[in-house]
Structure formats: structure tokens, C-alpha cells
PDB file of N, CA and C in Angstrom:
ATOM      1  N   MET A   1     -10.570  12.613  27.950  1.00  0.00           N
ATOM      2  CA  MET A   1     -10.718  11.031  27.456  1.00  0.00           C
ATOM      3  C   MET A   1     -12.230  10.708  27.762  1.00  0.00           C
ATOM      4  N   GLY A   2     -12.966  11.498  28.712  1.00  0.00           N
ATOM      5  CA  GLY A   2     -14.327  11.018  28.760  1.00  0.00           C
ATOM      6  C   GLY A   2     -15.419  10.811  27.609  1.00  0.00           C
ATOM      7  N   GLU A   3     -15.198  11.208  27.036  1.00  0.00           N
ATOM      8  CA  GLU A   3     -15.962  11.330  25.639  1.00  0.00           C
ATOM      9  C   GLU A   3     -16.146  10.497  25.049  1.00  0.00           C
ATOM     10  N   LYS A   4     -17.564   9.448  24.626  1.00  0.00           N
ATOM     11  CA  LYS A   4     -17.192   8.133  23.790  1.00  0.00           C
ATOM     12  C   LYS A   4     -17.881   8.698  22.696  1.00  0.00           C
ATOM     13  N   GLN A   5     -16.720   7.740  21.693  1.00  0.00           N
ATOM     14  CA  GLN A   5     -17.568   8.522  20.285  1.00  0.00           C
ATOM     15  C   GLN A   5     -18.407   7.189  20.096  1.00  0.00           C
ATOM     16  N   LYS A   6     -19.221   8.408  18.847  1.00  0.00           N
ATOM     17  CA  LYS A   6     -20.673   6.662  18.767  1.00  0.00           C
ATOM     18  C   LYS A   6     -19.764   6.258  17.363  1.00  0.00           C
ATOM     19  N   ASN A   7     -20.507   5.144  17.629  1.00  0.00           N
ATOM     20  CA  ASN A   7     -20.184   3.871  16.480  1.00  0.00           C
ATOM     21  C   ASN A   7     -21.119   3.928  15.272  1.00  0.00           C
ATOM     22  N   GLU A   8     -20.827   4.444  14.202  1.00  0.00           N
ATOM     23  CA  GLU A   8     -20.903   4.759  13.108  1.00  0.00           C
ATOM     24  C   GLU A   8     -21.585   3.457  12.375  1.00  0.00           C
ATOM     25  N   GLY A   9     -21.026   2.338  12.784  1.00  0.00           N
ATOM     26  CA  GLY A   9     -21.054   1.487  11.925  1.00  0.00           C
ATOM     27  C   GLY A   9     -20.062   1.207  10.575  1.00  0.00           C
ATOM     28  N   GLU A  10     -20.656   0.559   9.300  1.00  0.00           N
ATOM     29  CA  GLU A  10     -19.917   0.338   7.968  1.00  0.00           C
ATOM     30  C   GLU A  10     -20.034   1.733   8.002  1.00  0.00           C
ATOM     31  N   GLY A  11     -20.929   2.494   7.529  1.00  0.00           N
ATOM     32  CA  GLY A  11     -21.037   3.855   6.700  1.00  0.00           C
ATOM     33  C   GLY A  11     -20.365   4.730   7.987  1.00  0.00           C
ATOM     34  N   ASN A  12     -19.274   4.697   8.109  1.00  0.00           N
ATOM     35  CA  ASN A  12     -18.817   5.706   8.475  1.00  0.00           C
ATOM     36  C   ASN A  12     -18.658   6.833   7.918  1.00  0.00           C
ATOM     37  N   LYS A  13     -19.379   8.267   8.592  1.00  0.00           N
ATOM     38  CA  LYS A  13     -19.710   9.346   7.309  1.00  0.00           C
ATOM     39  C   LYS A  13     -18.754  10.136   8.076  1.00  0.00           C
ATOM     40  N   SER A  14     -18.671  10.655   9.079  1.00  0.00           N
ATOM     41  CA  SER A  14     -17.433  11.451   9.291  1.00  0.00           C
ATOM     42  C   SER A  14     -16.101  10.924   9.197  1.00  0.00           C
ATOM     43  N   ALA A  15     -15.734   9.760   9.395  1.00  0.00           N
ATOM     44  CA  ALA A  15     -14.606   9.203   8.620  1.00  0.00           C
ATOM     45  C   ALA A  15     -14.476   9.667   7.302  1.00  0.00           C
ATOM     46  N   ASP A  16     -15.608   9.338   6.720  1.00  0.00           N
ATOM     47  CA  ASP A  16     -15.510   9.400   5.381  1.00  0.00           C
ATOM     48  C   ASP A  16     -15.167  11.121   4.851  1.00  0.00           C
ATOM     49  N   ARG A  17     -16.136  11.368   6.036  1.00  0.00           N
ATOM     50  CA  ARG A  17     -15.126  12.951   5.149  1.00  0.00           C
ATOM     51  C   ARG A  17     -14.053  13.688   6.109  1.00  0.00           C
ATOM     52  N   ALA A  18     -13.610  13.177   6.664  1.00  0.00           N
ATOM     53  CA  ALA A  18     -12.286  13.747   7.039  1.00  0.00           C
ATOM     54  C   ALA A  18     -11.373  12.974   6.291  1.00  0.00           C
ATOM     55  N   TYR A  19     -11.841  12.074   5.860  1.00  0.00           N
ATOM     56  CA  TYR A  19     -10.110  11.080   4.422  1.00  0.00           C
ATOM     57  C   TYR A  19     -10.683  12.030   3.249  1.00  0.00           C
ATOM     58  N   ARG A  20     -11.796  12.628   3.124  1.00  0.00           N
ATOM     59  CA  ARG A  20     -11.790  13.717   1.988  1.00  0.00           C
ATOM     60  C   ARG A  20     -11.403  14.562   1.636  1.00  0.00           C
ATOM     61  N   LYS A  21     -11.302  15.258   2.985  1.00  0.00           N
ATOM     62  CA  LYS A  21     -10.600  16.147   3.525  1.00  0.00           C
ATOM     63  C   LYS A  21      -9.702  16.422   3.112  1.00  0.00           C
ATOM     64  N   ASP A  22      -8.530  15.535   3.637  1.00  0.00           N
ATOM     65  CA  ASP A  22      -7.268  15.410   4.299  1.00  0.00           C
ATOM     66  C   ASP A  22      -6.836  14.929   2.550  1.00  0.00           C
ATOM     67  N   THR A  23      -7.449  14.252   1.873  1.00  0.00           N
ATOM     68  CA  THR A  23      -6.861  13.569   0.648  1.00  0.00           C
ATOM     69  C   THR A  23      -7.139  15.197  -0.352  1.00  0.00           C
ATOM     70  N   GLU A  24      -8.144  15.720  -0.098  1.00  0.00           N
ATOM     71  CA  GLU A  24      -8.335  17.427  -0.917  1.00  0.00           C
ATOM     72  C   GLU A  24      -6.998  18.004  -0.435  1.00  0.00           C
ATOM     73  N   ASP A  25      -6.977  18.354   0.607  1.00  0.00           N
ATOM     74  CA  ASP A  25      -5.784  18.915   1.521  1.00  0.00           C
ATOM     75  C   ASP A  25      -4.370  18.535   0.876  1.00  0.00           C
ATOM     76  N   PHE A  26      -4.167  17.163   0.973  1.00  0.00           N
ATOM     77  CA  PHE A  26      -2.907  16.918   0.042  1.00  0.00           C
ATOM     78  C   PHE A  26      -2.797  17.029  -1.018  1.00  0.00           C
ATOM     79  N   ILE A  27      -3.493  17.180  -2.191  1.00  0.00           N
ATOM     80  CA  ILE A  27      -3.837  17.153  -3.374  1.00  0.00           C
ATOM     81  C   ILE A  27      -3.410  18.477  -3.109  1.00  0.00           C
ATOM     82  N   ASP A  28      -3.915  19.353  -2.792  1.00  0.00           N
ATOM     83  CA  ASP A  28      -4.117  20.795  -2.529  1.00  0.00           C
ATOM     84  C   ASP A  28      -2.159  21.598  -3.012  1.00  0.00           C
ATOM     85  N   SER A  29      -2.180  20.981  -1.864  1.00  0.00           N
ATOM     86  CA  SER A  29      -0.646  21.628  -1.128  1.00  0.00           C
ATOM     87  C   SER A  29       0.683  20.807  -1.787  1.00  0.00           C
ATOM     88  N   ASN A  30       0.280  19.667  -2.464  1.00  0.00           N
ATOM     89  CA  ASN A  30       1.474  19.114  -2.774  1.00  0.00           C
ATOM     90  C   ASN A  30       1.729  18.855  -4.213  1.00  0.00           C
ATOM     91  N   ASP A  31       3.273  18.510  -5.000  1.00  0.00           N
ATOM     92  CA  ASP A  31       3.094  18.253  -6.208  1.00  0.00           C
ATOM     93  C   ASP A  31       2.576  16.681  -6.534  1.00  0.00           C
ATOM     94  N   VAL A  32       1.463  16.406  -6.800  1.00  0.00           N
ATOM     95  CA  VAL A  32       1.369  15.198  -6.683  1.00  0.00           C
ATOM     96  C   VAL A  32       1.472  14.628  -8.067  1.00  0.00           C
ATOM     97  N   GLU A  33       1.913  14.821  -9.213  1.00  0.00           N
ATOM     98  CA  GLU A  33       2.564  14.541 -10.110  1.00  0.00           C
ATOM     99  C   GLU A  33       4.034  14.229  -9.966  1.00  0.00           C
ATOM    100  N   GLY A  34       4.660  15.155  -9.033  1.00  0.00           N
ATOM    101  CA  GLY A  34       6.253  14.783  -8.818  1.00  0.00           C
ATOM    102  C   GLY A  34       6.634  13.338  -8.074  1.00  0.00           C
ATOM    103  N   LYS A  35       5.207  13.419  -6.928  1.00  0.00           N
ATOM    104  CA  LYS A  35       5.449  12.307  -6.006  1.00  0.00           C
ATOM    105  C   LYS A  35       4.881  11.288  -7.269  1.00  0.00           C
ATOM    106  N   ALA A  36       4.521  11.140  -8.017  1.00  0.00           N
ATOM    107  CA  ALA A  36       4.231   9.953  -9.019  1.00  0.00           C
ATOM    108  C   ALA A  36       5.373   9.649  -9.646  1.00  0.00           C
ATOM    109  N   ARG A  37       5.993  10.558 -10.268  1.00  0.00           N
ATOM    110  CA  ARG A  37       7.279  10.283 -10.809  1.00  0.00           C
ATOM    111  C   ARG A  37       8.149   9.426  -9.741  1.00  0.00           C
ATOM    112  N   ASP A  38       8.525  10.638  -8.517  1.00  0.00           N
ATOM    113  CA  ASP A  38       9.466   9.627  -7.678  1.00  0.00           C
ATOM    114  C   ASP A  38       9.207   8.363  -7.235  1.00  0.00           C
ATOM    115  N   ALA A  39       7.628   7.965  -7.138  1.00  0.00           N
ATOM    116  CA  ALA A  39       7.713   6.791  -6.706  1.00  0.00           C
ATOM    117  C   ALA A  39       7.872   5.416  -7.926  1.00  0.00           C
ATOM    118  N   ALA A  40       7.244   6.314  -9.072  1.00  0.00           N
ATOM    119  CA  ALA A  40       7.522   5.381 -10.452  1.00  0.00           C
ATOM    120  C   ALA A  40       9.249   4.744 -10.694  1.00  0.00           C
ATOM    121  N   LYS A  41       9.880   5.707  -9.886  1.00  0.00           N
ATOM    122  CA  LYS A  41      11.726   5.351 -10.140  1.00  0.00           C
ATOM    123  C   LYS A  41      11.678   4.302  -8.703  1.00  0.00           C
ATOM    124  N   ASP A  42      11.092   3.676  -7.956  1.00  0.00           N
ATOM    125  CA  ASP A  42      11.042   3.272  -6.818  1.00  0.00           C
ATOM    126  C   ASP A  42      10.545   1.853  -7.033  1.00  0.00           C
ATOM    127  N   VAL A  43       9.748   1.573  -8.560  1.00  0.00           N
ATOM    128  CA  VAL A  43       9.069   0.306  -8.960  1.00  0.00           C
ATOM    129  C   VAL A  43      10.568  -0.310  -9.770  1.00  0.00           C
ATOM    130  N   ARG A  44      10.198  -1.645  -9.491  1.00  0.00           N
ATOM    131  CA  ARG A  44      11.124  -2.481 -10.249  1.00  0.00           C
ATOM    132  C   ARG A  44      10.019  -3.159 -11.510  1.00  0.00           C
ATOM    133  N   SER A  45      11.048  -2.580 -12.570  1.00  0.00           N
ATOM    134  CA  SER A  45      10.428  -3.362 -13.766  1.00  0.00           C
ATOM    135  C   SER A  45      10.429  -5.353 -13.462  1.00  0.00           C
ATOM    136  N   PRO A  46       9.730  -5.512 -14.230  1.00  0.00           N
ATOM    137  CA  PRO A  46       9.452  -7.061 -14.101  1.00  0.00           C
ATOM    138  C   PRO A  46      10.925  -7.559 -14.968  1.00  0.00           C
ATOM    139  N   ASN A  47      11.546  -6.734 -15.650  1.00  0.00           N
ATOM    140  CA  ASN A  47      12.823  -7.403 -16.933  1.00  0.00           C
ATOM    141  C   ASN A  47      13.986  -6.895 -15.879  1.00  0.00           C
ATOM    142  N   GLN A  48      13.958  -6.319 -14.703  1.00  0.00           N
ATOM    143  CA  GLN A  48      15.289  -5.492 -14.293  1.00  0.00           C
ATOM    144  C   GLN A  48      15.565  -7.033 -13.240  1.00  0.00           C
ATOM    145  N   PRO A  49      16.883  -7.412 -13.244  1.00  0.00           N
ATOM    146  CA  PRO A  49      17.207  -8.122 -11.965  1.00  0.00           C
ATOM    147  C   PRO A  49      17.028  -8.098 -10.647  1.00  0.00           C
ATOM    148  N   LEU A  50      16.924  -9.333  -9.672  1.00  0.00           N
ATOM    149  CA  LEU A  50      16.847  -9.131  -8.036  1.00  0.00           C
ATOM    150  C   LEU A  50      17.984  -8.676  -7.570  1.00  0.00           C
ATOM    151  N   SER A  51      17.863  -8.088  -6.330  1.00  0.00           N
ATOM    152  CA  SER A  51      19.139  -7.797  -5.538  1.00  0.00           C
ATOM    153  C   SER A  51      19.672  -8.693  -5.224  1.00  0.00           C
ATOM    154  N   PRO A  52      20.251  -9.099  -4.312  1.00  0.00           N
ATOM    155  CA  PRO A  52      20.704 -10.159  -3.975  1.00  0.00           C
ATOM    156  C   PRO A  52      19.912 -10.542  -2.723  1.00  0.00           C
ATOM    157  N   GLU A  53      19.899  -9.265  -2.161  1.00  0.00           N
ATOM    158  CA  GLU A  53      18.834  -9.672  -0.803  1.00  0.00           C
ATOM    159  C   GLU A  53      17.433 -10.058  -1.436  1.00  0.00           C
ATOM    160  N   GLU A  54      17.074  -9.151  -2.111  1.00  0.00           N
ATOM    161  CA  GLU A  54      15.547 -10.240  -2.647  1.00  0.00           C
ATOM    162  C   GLU A  54      15.596 -11.445  -2.847  1.00  0.00           C
ATOM    163  N   GLN A  55      16.934 -11.509  -4.341  1.00  0.00           N
ATOM    164  CA  GLN A  55      16.821 -13.382  -4.111  1.00  0.00           C
ATOM    165  C   GLN A  55      16.839 -14.020  -2.725  1.00  0.00           C
ATOM    166  N   ALA A  56      17.564 -13.548  -1.985  1.00  0.00           N
ATOM    167  CA  ALA A  56      17.668 -14.940  -1.056  1.00  0.00           C
ATOM    168  C   ALA A  56      16.124 -14.288  -0.225  1.00  0.00           C
ATOM    169  N   GLY A  57      15.014 -13.290   0.023  1.00  0.00           N
ATOM    170  CA  GLY A  57      14.243 -13.389   0.214  1.00  0.00           C
ATOM    171  C   GLY A  57      13.305 -14.269  -0.288  1.00  0.00           C
ATOM    172  N   ARG A  58      12.897 -14.180  -1.805  1.00  0.00           N
ATOM    173  CA  ARG A  58      12.045 -14.963  -2.622  1.00  0.00           C
ATOM    174  C   ARG A  58      12.397 -16.601  -2.505  1.00  0.00           C
ATOM    175  N   ASP A  59      13.947 -16.999  -2.088  1.00  0.00           N
ATOM    176  CA  ASP A  59      14.430 -18.228  -1.854  1.00  0.00           C
ATOM    177  C   ASP A  59      13.663 -19.061  -0.838  1.00  0.00           C
ATOM    178  N   ARG A  60      13.807 -18.427   0.236  1.00  0.00           N
ATOM    179  CA  ARG A  60      13.336 -18.579   1.644  1.00  0.00           C
ATOM    180  C   ARG A  60      12.181 -18.548   1.541  1.00  0.00           C
ATOM    181  N   ALA A  61      11.172 -17.791   0.884  1.00  0.00           N
ATOM    182  CA  ALA A  61       9.728 -18.375   0.732  1.00  0.00           C
ATOM    183  C   ALA A  61       9.484 -19.065  -0.140  1.00  0.00           C
ATOM    184  N   LYS A  62      10.263 -19.481  -0.975  1.00  0.00           N
ATOM    185  CA  LYS A  62       9.960 -21.153  -1.629  1.00  0.00           C
ATOM    186  C   LYS A  62       9.626 -21.863  -1.073  1.00  0.00           C
ATOM    187  N   GLU A  63      10.418 -21.908   0.319  1.00  0.00           N
ATOM    188  CA  GLU A  63      10.447 -23.065   1.194  1.00  0.00           C
ATOM    189  C   GLU A  63       9.011 -23.188   1.836  1.00  0.00           C
ATOM    190  N   PHE A  64       8.386 -22.100   2.069  1.00  0.00           N
ATOM    191  CA  PHE A  64       7.323 -22.601   2.670  1.00  0.00           C
ATOM    192  C   PHE A  64       5.727 -22.030   1.670  1.00  0.00           C
ATOM    193  N   GLU A  65       6.139 -22.132   0.654  1.00  0.00           N
ATOM    194  CA  GLU A  65       4.572 -22.674  -0.661  1.00  0.00           C
ATOM    195  C   GLU A  65       4.582 -24.079  -0.669  1.00  0.00           C
ATOM    196  N   PRO A  66       3.187 -24.106  -0.543  1.00  0.00           N
ATOM    197  CA  PRO A  66       2.320 -25.219  -0.441  1.00  0.00           C
ATOM    198  C   PRO A  66       2.825 -26.226  -1.633  1.00  0.00           C
ATOM    199  N   LYS A  67       2.923 -27.659  -1.847  1.00  0.00           N
ATOM    200  CA  LYS A  67       3.699 -28.311  -2.960  1.00  0.00           C
ATOM    201  C   LYS A  67       2.685 -28.342  -4.227  1.00  0.00           C
ATOM    202  N   ASP A  68       1.480 -28.387  -3.436  1.00  0.00           N
ATOM    203  CA  ASP A  68       0.416 -28.840  -4.774  1.00  0.00           C
ATOM    204  C   ASP A  68      -0.248 -27.426  -4.969  1.00  0.00           C
ATOM    205  N   SER A  69       0.214 -26.124  -5.107  1.00  0.00           N
ATOM    206  CA  SER A  69      -0.890 -25.006  -5.176  1.00  0.00           C
ATOM    207  C   SER A  69      -0.984 -24.821  -6.742  1.00  0.00           C
ATOM    208  N   ALA A  70       0.155 -25.501  -7.512  1.00  0.00           N
ATOM    209  CA  ALA A  70       0.119 -24.567  -8.590  1.00  0.00           C
ATOM    210  C   ALA A  70      -0.554 -26.403  -9.946  1.00  0.00           C
ATOM    211  N   LYS A  71      -1.142 -27.223  -8.926  1.00  0.00           N
ATOM    212  CA  LYS A  71      -1.526 -28.537  -9.585  1.00  0.00           C
ATOM    213  C   LYS A  71      -2.878 -28.651  -9.879  1.00  0.00           C
ATOM    214  N   LYS A  72      -3.821 -27.974  -9.469  1.00  0.00           N
ATOM    215  CA  LYS A  72      -5.077 -27.975 -10.148  1.00  0.00           C
ATOM    216  C   LYS A  72      -5.539 -27.196 -10.595  1.00  0.00           C
TER     217      LYS A  72
END
């Protein structure tokens, strides 16, 4: 814990390398196509009705919308 990390600023090359390596490792060791298909099942289509919980949340959120937001 005595080592101080070097601040690389906005162009953090070591973080970029680590991210790219981790991404490549994930792609190489996982069924990415299968994970994409599984994720697509969880996405609600626009024509699908909302669950009662989702509708309640949206109704509650409407209370906090600015009154003049759509008039400009």
C-alpha cells in the first residue's frame, strides 16, 4: 500500500490496456453470441405491456417531471 500510483491523466494508457485485455479474455472464454441472445430475452419490446410494478414506478416518476418541459 506504500506505492503511489502515477496519475496518467485523461489518456490513461495502462487502464486502456487492462480494459482491452480483459475484454479480449472475456470474448475468448465466453459464448458472447449466447449471452447476447439471453440478454435480448430480458429487453422489453415497446408493444409489450408494463408490469404493475413498472407502471407504478412510471406513474410515480410523472409527479417529478417539469410541467413545461414539452411546451418549448
